[in-house]
Amino acid sequence: MPGRRRQAIFFSVLGIVTIVLTVALNISWAVLSWRTGVLFIFGAIVFLLVIAGMVLNTIFLVREIKKNEQHDAFLNAVTHELKTPVASIKLYLETLERRDIPEPKKQEFYRIMHDDTNRLMGTIEQVLEASRVGSRSGRGKQAVPLTDVVTDCVEMARVRHHLEEDRLHVERKLPTGDTAVVVGDPQELKSAVSNLVENAIKYSGGNVKVSLQLERLDARRVALRVADQGMGIPPAELKRIFGRFYRIPGVISQKIKGTGLGLFIVRSVARKHGGRVYAASEGAGLGSTFTMELESEFQPKGAVS
């Protein structure tokens, strides 16, 4: 990683120095040959093309180096996310095989292995989902009650993280008796909502207090807001966090492991369904709010086919 950063700095400095030298040489040439107008115009055009080429080349090289850094970070994160639960399951299986374990302890081991298996499957599903939503091809669309998707995702999160009911609060600001219907891929929508909920829980630390608000914006749009009181996000990172493989550098990414794919999936799903997603935070330690807006219809509950 430091080597790649040095390469980025090297290419940036090289590009700047080359541009400065080219400008100096061309200005000198223009001053010396200003009387020959045709040559001057031709030289100016060539000069601009050379400068543009060098600028684009430098930008391309720096972007490629940054992408490679992100890929390396992603591979390290995925390796950790896959290796850790596998190592844990192996350890407990070896313990069960070699020792005479009391029944209560066995049940505890089974529960831990079950949780590790779910974690393993979650990582695999997230990588596969990122591949699917990142491609242009999609599965068949259908009318999906977003209200039911939110309810299911919240209930699954409560069970998975053993949370009390008041730790995940859902507020519906919809017309009485109506449900928000989104025409799209039910699996992708469920993945997007689940990622928002899981992120809010993961970055809340020990004090999980997450609120979800489903609100009708107008006749054709619905917004899902997921707010937590956790670690917060530095203002400079609010737009970057939706990039593929991107994780906030520093203390937050060191404390909490991840693949850097969750928010990329959310953004891709929102765009596929005619919407957008954005984040807001007052800064580190002050919590954050993620808002996903989608194109939708509003129908009486029970009328969705």
Foldseek 3Di string as FASTA:
>chain_A
DVVLVVVLVVLVVVLVVVLVVLVVVLVVVCVVPVVPPVVNVVSVVVSVVVNVVSVVVSVVSNVVSVVVVLVVLLVVLLCCLQPVLVVLLVVLVVCVVPDDDDPVVNVVSVVSNVLSVVSNVVSVVLVVLLVQLVDPDDDAKFKDFLVVLLVVLVVVVCVSVVHDPQLEAEAEADPPQKTWIFTGDSVLSSLLSNLLVVVQQQQAPPRRRKYWYWHDPDQWKIKIKIWTQGFWAAPVCFVVLLDASDDDDDDVCVVGGDNSRNSVSNQSSLVVQVWGKTKDTPHTRGIIMIMRMGTTHMDRPPPGD
